[in-house]
Amino acid sequence: MLKIEGLDELQNQLQDLAKRAEELDGEHSIPVSELLTDNFICQNTKFVSADELFDASGFKVDTQEDFANIPDTEWDEYIRSISNFENWQEMLEAAAQEWAASKLGL
């Protein structure tokens, strides 16, 4: 007779993963500061933090309004020049995927 051990633990882990996935279902409003972690910035740009990335941009980015006033094409050019991404949207999508994976414990 073959005895397989560890199935209870695996089942518990799968149930936990399913619960976390259910919590992520739907739309979420995630602050950029939570998406652009230092680790993400270090892996994908020449900077060590989002603050450093914003400071080096040459744009005034002190408030949400400041950021909204930056022309999209200029911001996309900046992101393309300092990162592995073609534009800001692509960068945010990658950061969101990484955020979701971390929330799932992957």
PDB file of N, CA and C in Angstrom:
ATOM      1  N   MET A   1       0.844  -1.179   0.000  1.00  0.00           N
ATOM      2  CA  MET A   1       0.000   0.000   0.000  1.00  0.00           C
ATOM      3  C   MET A   1       0.891   1.244   0.000  1.00  0.00           C
ATOM      4  N   LEU A   2       0.562   2.185  -0.844  1.00  0.00           N
ATOM      5  CA  LEU A   2       1.316   3.424  -0.984  1.00  0.00           C
ATOM      6  C   LEU A   2       0.694   4.480  -0.086  1.00  0.00           C
ATOM      7  N   LYS A   3       1.511   5.108   0.733  1.00  0.00           N
ATOM      8  CA  LYS A   3       1.022   6.147   1.634  1.00  0.00           C
ATOM      9  C   LYS A   3       1.626   7.490   1.204  1.00  0.00           C
ATOM     10  N   ILE A   4       0.753   8.451   0.930  1.00  0.00           N
ATOM     11  CA  ILE A   4       1.209   9.779   0.522  1.00  0.00           C
ATOM     12  C   ILE A   4       1.024  10.717   1.704  1.00  0.00           C
ATOM     13  N   GLU A   5       2.112  11.354   2.090  1.00  0.00           N
ATOM     14  CA  GLU A   5       2.041  12.271   3.223  1.00  0.00           C
ATOM     15  C   GLU A   5       2.059  13.712   2.739  1.00  0.00           C
ATOM     16  N   GLY A   6       1.496  14.591   3.531  1.00  0.00           N
ATOM     17  CA  GLY A   6       1.546  16.010   3.232  1.00  0.00           C
ATOM     18  C   GLY A   6       0.331  16.539   2.484  1.00  0.00           C
ATOM     19  N   LEU A   7      -0.642  15.678   2.175  1.00  0.00           N
ATOM     20  CA  LEU A   7      -1.812  16.144   1.436  1.00  0.00           C
ATOM     21  C   LEU A   7      -2.664  17.107   2.253  1.00  0.00           C
ATOM     22  N   ASP A   8      -2.748  16.886   3.550  1.00  0.00           N
ATOM     23  CA  ASP A   8      -3.519  17.812   4.402  1.00  0.00           C
ATOM     24  C   ASP A   8      -2.896  19.205   4.377  1.00  0.00           C
ATOM     25  N   GLU A   9      -1.591  19.249   4.458  1.00  0.00           N
ATOM     26  CA  GLU A   9      -0.895  20.539   4.424  1.00  0.00           C
ATOM     27  C   GLU A   9      -1.096  21.216   3.077  1.00  0.00           C
ATOM     28  N   LEU A  10      -1.001  20.440   2.005  1.00  0.00           N
ATOM     29  CA  LEU A  10      -1.211  20.982   0.663  1.00  0.00           C
ATOM     30  C   LEU A  10      -2.635  21.518   0.520  1.00  0.00           C
ATOM     31  N   GLN A  11      -3.602  20.768   1.020  1.00  0.00           N
ATOM     32  CA  GLN A  11      -4.997  21.210   0.950  1.00  0.00           C
ATOM     33  C   GLN A  11      -5.188  22.517   1.716  1.00  0.00           C
ATOM     34  N   ASN A  12      -4.573  22.644   2.883  1.00  0.00           N
ATOM     35  CA  ASN A  12      -4.656  23.880   3.667  1.00  0.00           C
ATOM     36  C   ASN A  12      -4.027  25.046   2.914  1.00  0.00           C
ATOM     37  N   GLN A  13      -2.893  24.799   2.271  1.00  0.00           N
ATOM     38  CA  GLN A  13      -2.225  25.852   1.511  1.00  0.00           C
ATOM     39  C   GLN A  13      -3.080  26.285   0.317  1.00  0.00           C
ATOM     40  N   LEU A  14      -3.702  25.333  -0.354  1.00  0.00           N
ATOM     41  CA  LEU A  14      -4.562  25.661  -1.486  1.00  0.00           C
ATOM     42  C   LEU A  14      -5.796  26.436  -1.040  1.00  0.00           C
ATOM     43  N   GLN A  15      -6.359  26.068   0.094  1.00  0.00           N
ATOM     44  CA  GLN A  15      -7.515  26.798   0.619  1.00  0.00           C
ATOM     45  C   GLN A  15      -7.121  28.228   0.989  1.00  0.00           C
ATOM     46  N   ASP A  16      -5.945  28.388   1.576  1.00  0.00           N
ATOM     47  CA  ASP A  16      -5.453  29.723   1.926  1.00  0.00           C
ATOM     48  C   ASP A  16      -5.230  30.557   0.670  1.00  0.00           C
ATOM     49  N   LEU A  17      -4.652  29.960  -0.358  1.00  0.00           N
ATOM     50  CA  LEU A  17      -4.432  30.651  -1.628  1.00  0.00           C
ATOM     51  C   LEU A  17      -5.770  31.056  -2.250  1.00  0.00           C
ATOM     52  N   ALA A  18      -6.751  30.179  -2.212  1.00  0.00           N
ATOM     53  CA  ALA A  18      -8.074  30.486  -2.767  1.00  0.00           C
ATOM     54  C   ALA A  18      -8.716  31.647  -2.010  1.00  0.00           C
ATOM     55  N   LYS A  19      -8.549  31.660  -0.706  1.00  0.00           N
ATOM     56  CA  LYS A  19      -9.109  32.754   0.104  1.00  0.00           C
ATOM     57  C   LYS A  19      -8.455  34.081  -0.269  1.00  0.00           C
ATOM     58  N   ARG A  20      -7.131  34.090  -0.392  1.00  0.00           N
ATOM     59  CA  ARG A  20      -6.426  35.323  -0.764  1.00  0.00           C
ATOM     60  C   ARG A  20      -6.796  35.780  -2.173  1.00  0.00           C
ATOM     61  N   ALA A  21      -6.990  34.831  -3.080  1.00  0.00           N
ATOM     62  CA  ALA A  21      -7.387  35.170  -4.449  1.00  0.00           C
ATOM     63  C   ALA A  21      -8.780  35.785  -4.455  1.00  0.00           C
ATOM     64  N   GLU A  22      -9.664  35.257  -3.635  1.00  0.00           N
ATOM     65  CA  GLU A  22     -11.022  35.801  -3.540  1.00  0.00           C
ATOM     66  C   GLU A  22     -10.991  37.236  -3.029  1.00  0.00           C
ATOM     67  N   GLU A  23     -10.099  37.523  -2.085  1.00  0.00           N
ATOM     68  CA  GLU A  23      -9.966  38.880  -1.546  1.00  0.00           C
ATOM     69  C   GLU A  23      -9.471  39.858  -2.611  1.00  0.00           C
ATOM     70  N   LEU A  24      -8.719  39.370  -3.590  1.00  0.00           N
ATOM     71  CA  LEU A  24      -8.192  40.230  -4.654  1.00  0.00           C
ATOM     72  C   LEU A  24      -9.166  40.403  -5.814  1.00  0.00           C
ATOM     73  N   ASP A  25     -10.216  39.611  -5.836  1.00  0.00           N
ATOM     74  CA  ASP A  25     -11.170  39.670  -6.939  1.00  0.00           C
ATOM     75  C   ASP A  25     -11.822  41.046  -7.006  1.00  0.00           C
ATOM     76  N   GLY A  26     -12.048  41.531  -8.221  1.00  0.00           N
ATOM     77  CA  GLY A  26     -12.691  42.827  -8.402  1.00  0.00           C
ATOM     78  C   GLY A  26     -11.667  43.930  -8.593  1.00  0.00           C
ATOM     79  N   GLU A  27     -12.156  45.146  -8.539  1.00  0.00           N
ATOM     80  CA  GLU A  27     -11.290  46.309  -8.716  1.00  0.00           C
ATOM     81  C   GLU A  27     -10.773  46.799  -7.374  1.00  0.00           C
ATOM     82  N   HIS A  28      -9.552  47.286  -7.389  1.00  0.00           N
ATOM     83  CA  HIS A  28      -8.922  47.815  -6.183  1.00  0.00           C
ATOM     84  C   HIS A  28      -8.277  49.153  -6.499  1.00  0.00           C
ATOM     85  N   SER A  29      -8.322  50.031  -5.551  1.00  0.00           N
ATOM     86  CA  SER A  29      -7.632  51.305  -5.677  1.00  0.00           C
ATOM     87  C   SER A  29      -6.384  51.214  -4.809  1.00  0.00           C
ATOM     88  N   ILE A  30      -5.263  51.069  -5.466  1.00  0.00           N
ATOM     89  CA  ILE A  30      -3.998  50.855  -4.756  1.00  0.00           C
ATOM     90  C   ILE A  30      -3.132  52.093  -4.927  1.00  0.00           C
ATOM     91  N   PRO A  31      -2.682  52.677  -3.838  1.00  0.00           N
ATOM     92  CA  PRO A  31      -1.814  53.851  -3.957  1.00  0.00           C
ATOM     93  C   PRO A  31      -0.533  53.512  -4.731  1.00  0.00           C
ATOM     94  N   VAL A  32      -0.089  54.443  -5.554  1.00  0.00           N
ATOM     95  CA  VAL A  32       1.135  54.250  -6.332  1.00  0.00           C
ATOM     96  C   VAL A  32       2.299  53.927  -5.397  1.00  0.00           C
ATOM     97  N   SER A  33       2.291  54.527  -4.221  1.00  0.00           N
ATOM     98  CA  SER A  33       3.382  54.274  -3.271  1.00  0.00           C
ATOM     99  C   SER A  33       3.416  52.810  -2.826  1.00  0.00           C
ATOM    100  N   GLU A  34       2.269  52.143  -2.839  1.00  0.00           N
ATOM    101  CA  GLU A  34       2.228  50.727  -2.469  1.00  0.00           C
ATOM    102  C   GLU A  34       2.630  49.841  -3.647  1.00  0.00           C
ATOM    103  N   LEU A  35       2.351  50.300  -4.859  1.00  0.00           N
ATOM    104  CA  LEU A  35       2.717  49.540  -6.060  1.00  0.00           C
ATOM    105  C   LEU A  35       4.204  49.647  -6.359  1.00  0.00           C
ATOM    106  N   LEU A  36       4.727  50.869  -6.287  1.00  0.00           N
ATOM    107  CA  LEU A  36       6.123  51.109  -6.659  1.00  0.00           C
ATOM    108  C   LEU A  36       7.023  50.927  -5.446  1.00  0.00           C
ATOM    109  N   THR A  37       7.161  49.682  -5.041  1.00  0.00           N
ATOM    110  CA  THR A  37       8.007  49.371  -3.894  1.00  0.00           C
ATOM    111  C   THR A  37       9.472  49.626  -4.244  1.00  0.00           C
ATOM    112  N   ASP A  38      10.290  49.784  -3.231  1.00  0.00           N
ATOM    113  CA  ASP A  38      11.722  49.976  -3.467  1.00  0.00           C
ATOM    114  C   ASP A  38      12.291  48.812  -4.270  1.00  0.00           C
ATOM    115  N   ASN A  39      11.843  47.593  -3.948  1.00  0.00           N
ATOM    116  CA  ASN A  39      12.332  46.414  -4.655  1.00  0.00           C
ATOM    117  C   ASN A  39      11.955  46.478  -6.136  1.00  0.00           C
ATOM    118  N   PHE A  40      10.706  46.844  -6.424  1.00  0.00           N
ATOM    119  CA  PHE A  40      10.267  46.960  -7.820  1.00  0.00           C
ATOM    120  C   PHE A  40      11.075  48.022  -8.551  1.00  0.00           C
ATOM    121  N   ILE A  41      11.246  49.175  -7.914  1.00  0.00           N
ATOM    122  CA  ILE A  41      12.002  50.267  -8.535  1.00  0.00           C
ATOM    123  C   ILE A  41      13.440  49.843  -8.789  1.00  0.00           C
ATOM    124  N   CYS A  42      14.076  49.203  -7.816  1.00  0.00           N
ATOM    125  CA  CYS A  42      15.469  48.752  -7.990  1.00  0.00           C
ATOM    126  C   CYS A  42      15.611  47.750  -9.128  1.00  0.00           C
ATOM    127  N   GLN A  43      14.650  46.860  -9.265  1.00  0.00           N
ATOM    128  CA  GLN A  43      14.730  45.832 -10.304  1.00  0.00           C
ATOM    129  C   GLN A  43      14.456  46.379 -11.703  1.00  0.00           C
ATOM    130  N   ASN A  44      13.707  47.465 -11.788  1.00  0.00           N
ATOM    131  CA  ASN A  44      13.241  47.912 -13.094  1.00  0.00           C
ATOM    132  C   ASN A  44      13.717  49.293 -13.531  1.00  0.00           C
ATOM    133  N   THR A  45      14.468  49.966 -12.674  1.00  0.00           N
ATOM    134  CA  THR A  45      14.994  51.283 -13.030  1.00  0.00           C
ATOM    135  C   THR A  45      16.411  51.411 -12.492  1.00  0.00           C
ATOM    136  N   LYS A  46      16.991  52.582 -12.701  1.00  0.00           N
ATOM    137  CA  LYS A  46      18.327  52.840 -12.150  1.00  0.00           C
ATOM    138  C   LYS A  46      18.240  53.507 -10.777  1.00  0.00           C
ATOM    139  N   PHE A  47      17.045  53.575 -10.208  1.00  0.00           N
ATOM    140  CA  PHE A  47      16.827  54.238  -8.922  1.00  0.00           C
ATOM    141  C   PHE A  47      16.575  53.235  -7.812  1.00  0.00           C
ATOM    142  N   VAL A  48      16.630  53.718  -6.582  1.00  0.00           N
ATOM    143  CA  VAL A  48      16.419  52.844  -5.428  1.00  0.00           C
ATOM    144  C   VAL A  48      15.061  53.048  -4.771  1.00  0.00           C
ATOM    145  N   SER A  49      14.342  54.089  -5.180  1.00  0.00           N
ATOM    146  CA  SER A  49      13.017  54.335  -4.601  1.00  0.00           C
ATOM    147  C   SER A  49      12.172  55.144  -5.579  1.00  0.00           C
ATOM    148  N   ALA A  50      10.863  55.093  -5.374  1.00  0.00           N
ATOM    149  CA  ALA A  50       9.950  55.885  -6.207  1.00  0.00           C
ATOM    150  C   ALA A  50      10.208  57.373  -5.997  1.00  0.00           C
ATOM    151  N   ASP A  51      10.497  57.762  -4.765  1.00  0.00           N
ATOM    152  CA  ASP A  51      10.793  59.174  -4.501  1.00  0.00           C
ATOM    153  C   ASP A  51      11.976  59.643  -5.345  1.00  0.00           C
ATOM    154  N   GLU A  52      13.014  58.823  -5.411  1.00  0.00           N
ATOM    155  CA  GLU A  52      14.186  59.177  -6.207  1.00  0.00           C
ATOM    156  C   GLU A  52      13.818  59.262  -7.687  1.00  0.00           C
ATOM    157  N   LEU A  53      12.996  58.333  -8.160  1.00  0.00           N
ATOM    158  CA  LEU A  53      12.538  58.338  -9.549  1.00  0.00           C
ATOM    159  C   LEU A  53      11.784  59.626  -9.859  1.00  0.00           C
ATOM    160  N   PHE A  54      10.864  60.012  -8.971  1.00  0.00           N
ATOM    161  CA  PHE A  54      10.088  61.233  -9.188  1.00  0.00           C
ATOM    162  C   PHE A  54      10.970  62.478  -9.092  1.00  0.00           C
ATOM    163  N   ASP A  55      11.868  62.507  -8.105  1.00  0.00           N
ATOM    164  CA  ASP A  55      12.755  63.668  -7.935  1.00  0.00           C
ATOM    165  C   ASP A  55      13.652  63.890  -9.144  1.00  0.00           C
ATOM    166  N   ALA A  56      14.123  62.804  -9.739  1.00  0.00           N
ATOM    167  CA  ALA A  56      15.042  62.911 -10.869  1.00  0.00           C
ATOM    168  C   ALA A  56      14.333  63.248 -12.180  1.00  0.00           C
ATOM    169  N   SER A  57      13.024  63.228 -12.173  1.00  0.00           N
ATOM    170  CA  SER A  57      12.266  63.416 -13.415  1.00  0.00           C
ATOM    171  C   SER A  57      12.374  64.828 -13.986  1.00  0.00           C
ATOM    172  N   GLY A  58      12.653  65.812 -13.127  1.00  0.00           N
ATOM    173  CA  GLY A  58      12.667  67.188 -13.589  1.00  0.00           C
ATOM    174  C   GLY A  58      11.288  67.829 -13.577  1.00  0.00           C
ATOM    175  N   PHE A  59      10.274  67.040 -13.255  1.00  0.00           N
ATOM    176  CA  PHE A  59       8.913  67.550 -13.142  1.00  0.00           C
ATOM    177  C   PHE A  59       8.580  67.797 -11.678  1.00  0.00           C
ATOM    178  N   LYS A  60       7.707  68.742 -11.434  1.00  0.00           N
ATOM    179  CA  LYS A  60       7.221  68.976 -10.075  1.00  0.00           C
ATOM    180  C   LYS A  60       6.169  67.911  -9.789  1.00  0.00           C
ATOM    181  N   VAL A  61       6.435  67.091  -8.773  1.00  0.00           N
ATOM    182  CA  VAL A  61       5.538  65.991  -8.440  1.00  0.00           C
ATOM    183  C   VAL A  61       5.284  65.992  -6.924  1.00  0.00           C
ATOM    184  N   ASP A  62       4.877  67.140  -6.410  1.00  0.00           N
ATOM    185  CA  ASP A  62       4.622  67.229  -4.973  1.00  0.00           C
ATOM    186  C   ASP A  62       3.201  66.812  -4.606  1.00  0.00           C
ATOM    187  N   THR A  63       2.281  66.955  -5.543  1.00  0.00           N
ATOM    188  CA  THR A  63       0.874  66.620  -5.273  1.00  0.00           C
ATOM    189  C   THR A  63       0.313  65.807  -6.435  1.00  0.00           C
ATOM    190  N   GLN A  64      -0.863  65.244  -6.207  1.00  0.00           N
ATOM    191  CA  GLN A  64      -1.562  64.510  -7.260  1.00  0.00           C
ATOM    192  C   GLN A  64      -1.856  65.430  -8.442  1.00  0.00           C
ATOM    193  N   GLU A  65      -2.193  66.674  -8.127  1.00  0.00           N
ATOM    194  CA  GLU A  65      -2.484  67.668  -9.168  1.00  0.00           C
ATOM    195  C   GLU A  65      -1.235  67.946 -10.003  1.00  0.00           C
ATOM    196  N   ASP A  66      -0.079  68.082  -9.338  1.00  0.00           N
ATOM    197  CA  ASP A  66       1.179  68.276 -10.068  1.00  0.00           C
ATOM    198  C   ASP A  66       1.393  67.146 -11.066  1.00  0.00           C
ATOM    199  N   PHE A  67       1.200  65.938 -10.582  1.00  0.00           N
ATOM    200  CA  PHE A  67       1.425  64.770 -11.421  1.00  0.00           C
ATOM    201  C   PHE A  67       0.452  64.757 -12.609  1.00  0.00           C
ATOM    202  N   ALA A  68      -0.797  65.094 -12.346  1.00  0.00           N
ATOM    203  CA  ALA A  68      -1.818  65.125 -13.407  1.00  0.00           C
ATOM    204  C   ALA A  68      -1.490  66.160 -14.477  1.00  0.00           C
ATOM    205  N   ASN A  69      -0.752  67.191 -14.112  1.00  0.00           N
ATOM    206  CA  ASN A  69      -0.416  68.263 -15.059  1.00  0.00           C
ATOM    207  C   ASN A  69       0.779  67.943 -15.953  1.00  0.00           C
ATOM    208  N   ILE A  70       1.468  66.856 -15.701  1.00  0.00           N
ATOM    209  CA  ILE A  70       2.606  66.465 -16.537  1.00  0.00           C
ATOM    210  C   ILE A  70       2.045  65.880 -17.839  1.00  0.00           C
ATOM    211  N   PRO A  71       2.495  66.380 -18.988  1.00  0.00           N
ATOM    212  CA  PRO A  71       2.023  65.811 -20.263  1.00  0.00           C
ATOM    213  C   PRO A  71       2.353  64.316 -20.355  1.00  0.00           C
ATOM    214  N   ASP A  72       1.372  63.512 -20.717  1.00  0.00           N
ATOM    215  CA  ASP A  72       1.552  62.060 -20.777  1.00  0.00           C
ATOM    216  C   ASP A  72       2.729  61.651 -21.655  1.00  0.00           C
ATOM    217  N   THR A  73       2.854  62.280 -22.815  1.00  0.00           N
ATOM    218  CA  THR A  73       3.933  61.880 -23.725  1.00  0.00           C
ATOM    219  C   THR A  73       5.307  62.148 -23.113  1.00  0.00           C
ATOM    220  N   GLU A  74       5.440  63.263 -22.405  1.00  0.00           N
ATOM    221  CA  GLU A  74       6.729  63.571 -21.761  1.00  0.00           C
ATOM    222  C   GLU A  74       7.020  62.603 -20.618  1.00  0.00           C
ATOM    223  N   TRP A  75       5.987  62.272 -19.846  1.00  0.00           N
ATOM    224  CA  TRP A  75       6.186  61.333 -18.731  1.00  0.00           C
ATOM    225  C   TRP A  75       6.531  59.948 -19.279  1.00  0.00           C
ATOM    226  N   ASP A  76       5.841  59.525 -20.340  1.00  0.00           N
ATOM    227  CA  ASP A  76       6.140  58.229 -20.952  1.00  0.00           C
ATOM    228  C   ASP A  76       7.566  58.186 -21.489  1.00  0.00           C
ATOM    229  N   GLU A  77       8.025  59.279 -22.092  1.00  0.00           N
ATOM    230  CA  GLU A  77       9.410  59.342 -22.581  1.00  0.00           C
ATOM    231  C   GLU A  77      10.394  59.196 -21.419  1.00  0.00           C
ATOM    232  N   TYR A  78      10.099  59.859 -20.318  1.00  0.00           N
ATOM    233  CA  TYR A  78      10.959  59.757 -19.136  1.00  0.00           C
ATOM    234  C   TYR A  78      10.999  58.315 -18.629  1.00  0.00           C
ATOM    235  N   ILE A  79       9.834  57.698 -18.483  1.00  0.00           N
ATOM    236  CA  ILE A  79       9.765  56.317 -17.988  1.00  0.00           C
ATOM    237  C   ILE A  79      10.533  55.384 -18.921  1.00  0.00           C
ATOM    238  N   ARG A  80      10.369  55.574 -20.228  1.00  0.00           N
ATOM    239  CA  ARG A  80      11.084  54.753 -21.214  1.00  0.00           C
ATOM    240  C   ARG A  80      12.601  54.934 -21.066  1.00  0.00           C
ATOM    241  N   SER A  81      13.046  56.143 -20.736  1.00  0.00           N
ATOM    242  CA  SER A  81      14.479  56.422 -20.656  1.00  0.00           C
ATOM    243  C   SER A  81      15.136  55.895 -19.380  1.00  0.00           C
ATOM    244  N   ILE A  82      14.360  55.638 -18.347  1.00  0.00           N
ATOM    245  CA  ILE A  82      14.967  55.240 -17.059  1.00  0.00           C
ATOM    246  C   ILE A  82      14.539  53.846 -16.592  1.00  0.00           C
ATOM    247  N   SER A  83      13.753  53.154 -17.422  1.00  0.00           N
ATOM    248  CA  SER A  83      13.235  51.866 -16.957  1.00  0.00           C
ATOM    249  C   SER A  83      13.233  50.821 -18.050  1.00  0.00           C
ATOM    250  N   ASN A  84      12.700  49.665 -17.712  1.00  0.00           N
ATOM    251  CA  ASN A  84      12.544  48.565 -18.654  1.00  0.00           C
ATOM    252  C   ASN A  84      11.199  48.626 -19.374  1.00  0.00           C
ATOM    253  N   PHE A  85      10.469  49.705 -19.229  1.00  0.00           N
ATOM    254  CA  PHE A  85       9.110  49.793 -19.741  1.00  0.00           C
ATOM    255  C   PHE A  85       8.992  50.825 -20.853  1.00  0.00           C
ATOM    256  N   GLU A  86       8.033  50.598 -21.733  1.00  0.00           N
ATOM    257  CA  GLU A  86       7.786  51.508 -22.845  1.00  0.00           C
ATOM    258  C   GLU A  86       7.046  52.767 -22.402  1.00  0.00           C
ATOM    259  N   ASN A  87       6.252  52.661 -21.334  1.00  0.00           N
ATOM    260  CA  ASN A  87       5.463  53.804 -20.875  1.00  0.00           C
ATOM    261  C   ASN A  87       5.021  53.602 -19.431  1.00  0.00           C
ATOM    262  N   TRP A  88       4.398  54.628 -18.880  1.00  0.00           N
ATOM    263  CA  TRP A  88       3.952  54.636 -17.487  1.00  0.00           C
ATOM    264  C   TRP A  88       2.904  53.547 -17.241  1.00  0.00           C
ATOM    265  N   GLN A  89       1.957  53.380 -18.161  1.00  0.00           N
ATOM    266  CA  GLN A  89       0.912  52.377 -17.988  1.00  0.00           C
ATOM    267  C   GLN A  89       1.500  50.977 -17.900  1.00  0.00           C
ATOM    268  N   GLU A  90       2.458  50.686 -18.756  1.00  0.00           N
ATOM    269  CA  GLU A  90       3.113  49.381 -18.730  1.00  0.00           C
ATOM    270  C   GLU A  90       3.825  49.163 -17.392  1.00  0.00           C
ATOM    271  N   MET A  91       4.461  50.200 -16.882  1.00  0.00           N
ATOM    272  CA  MET A  91       5.148  50.105 -15.593  1.00  0.00           C
ATOM    273  C   MET A  91       4.151  49.829 -14.465  1.00  0.00           C
ATOM    274  N   LEU A  92       3.042  50.567 -14.465  1.00  0.00           N
ATOM    275  CA  LEU A  92       2.026  50.370 -13.430  1.00  0.00           C
ATOM    276  C   LEU A  92       1.414  48.978 -13.498  1.00  0.00           C
ATOM    277  N   GLU A  93       1.174  48.479 -14.704  1.00  0.00           N
ATOM    278  CA  GLU A  93       0.607  47.140 -14.848  1.00  0.00           C
ATOM    279  C   GLU A  93       1.555  46.072 -14.308  1.00  0.00           C
ATOM    280  N   ALA A  94       2.830  46.219 -14.583  1.00  0.00           N
ATOM    281  CA  ALA A  94       3.819  45.266 -14.059  1.00  0.00           C
ATOM    282  C   ALA A  94       3.890  45.353 -12.540  1.00  0.00           C
ATOM    283  N   ALA A  95       3.848  46.556 -12.016  1.00  0.00           N
ATOM    284  CA  ALA A  95       3.876  46.734 -10.558  1.00  0.00           C
ATOM    285  C   ALA A  95       2.626  46.133  -9.928  1.00  0.00           C
ATOM    286  N   ALA A  96       1.482  46.280 -10.576  1.00  0.00           N
ATOM    287  CA  ALA A  96       0.228  45.720 -10.058  1.00  0.00           C
ATOM    288  C   ALA A  96       0.279  44.193 -10.058  1.00  0.00           C
ATOM    289  N   GLN A  97       0.875  43.615 -11.091  1.00  0.00           N
ATOM    290  CA  GLN A  97       1.012  42.156 -11.136  1.00  0.00           C
ATOM    291  C   GLN A  97       1.906  41.666 -10.006  1.00  0.00           C
ATOM    292  N   GLU A  98       2.988  42.383  -9.763  1.00  0.00           N
ATOM    293  CA  GLU A  98       3.893  42.012  -8.678  1.00  0.00           C
ATOM    294  C   GLU A  98       3.194  42.168  -7.328  1.00  0.00           C
ATOM    295  N   TRP A  99       2.420  43.237  -7.177  1.00  0.00           N
ATOM    296  CA  TRP A  99       1.669  43.476  -5.935  1.00  0.00           C
ATOM    297  C   TRP A  99       0.689  42.336  -5.695  1.00  0.00           C
ATOM    298  N   ALA A 100      -0.054  41.947  -6.733  1.00  0.00           N
ATOM    299  CA  ALA A 100      -1.037  40.866  -6.601  1.00  0.00           C
ATOM    300  C   ALA A 100      -0.354  39.548  -6.237  1.00  0.00           C
ATOM    301  N   ALA A 101       0.755  39.268  -6.895  1.00  0.00           N
ATOM    302  CA  ALA A 101       1.488  38.037  -6.587  1.00  0.00           C
ATOM    303  C   ALA A 101       1.954  38.020  -5.132  1.00  0.00           C
ATOM    304  N   SER A 102       2.402  39.154  -4.636  1.00  0.00           N
ATOM    305  CA  SER A 102       2.845  39.204  -3.234  1.00  0.00           C
ATOM    306  C   SER A 102       1.662  39.022  -2.284  1.00  0.00           C
ATOM    307  N   LYS A 103       0.502  39.552  -2.643  1.00  0.00           N
ATOM    308  CA  LYS A 103      -0.689  39.387  -1.812  1.00  0.00           C
ATOM    309  C   LYS A 103      -1.148  37.932  -1.802  1.00  0.00           C
ATOM    310  N   LEU A 104      -0.892  37.216  -2.903  1.00  0.00           N
ATOM    311  CA  LEU A 104      -1.241  35.803  -2.989  1.00  0.00           C
ATOM    312  C   LEU A 104      -0.183  34.920  -2.312  1.00  0.00           C
ATOM    313  N   GLY A 105       0.940  35.515  -1.973  1.00  0.00           N
ATOM    314  CA  GLY A 105       2.006  34.746  -1.332  1.00  0.00           C
ATOM    315  C   GLY A 105       2.838  33.961  -2.321  1.00  0.00           C
ATOM    316  N   LEU A 106       2.866  34.411  -3.557  1.00  0.00           N
ATOM    317  CA  LEU A 106       3.623  33.689  -4.601  1.00  0.00           C
ATOM    318  C   LEU A 106       5.016  34.265  -4.762  1.00  0.00           C
TER     319      LEU A 106
END
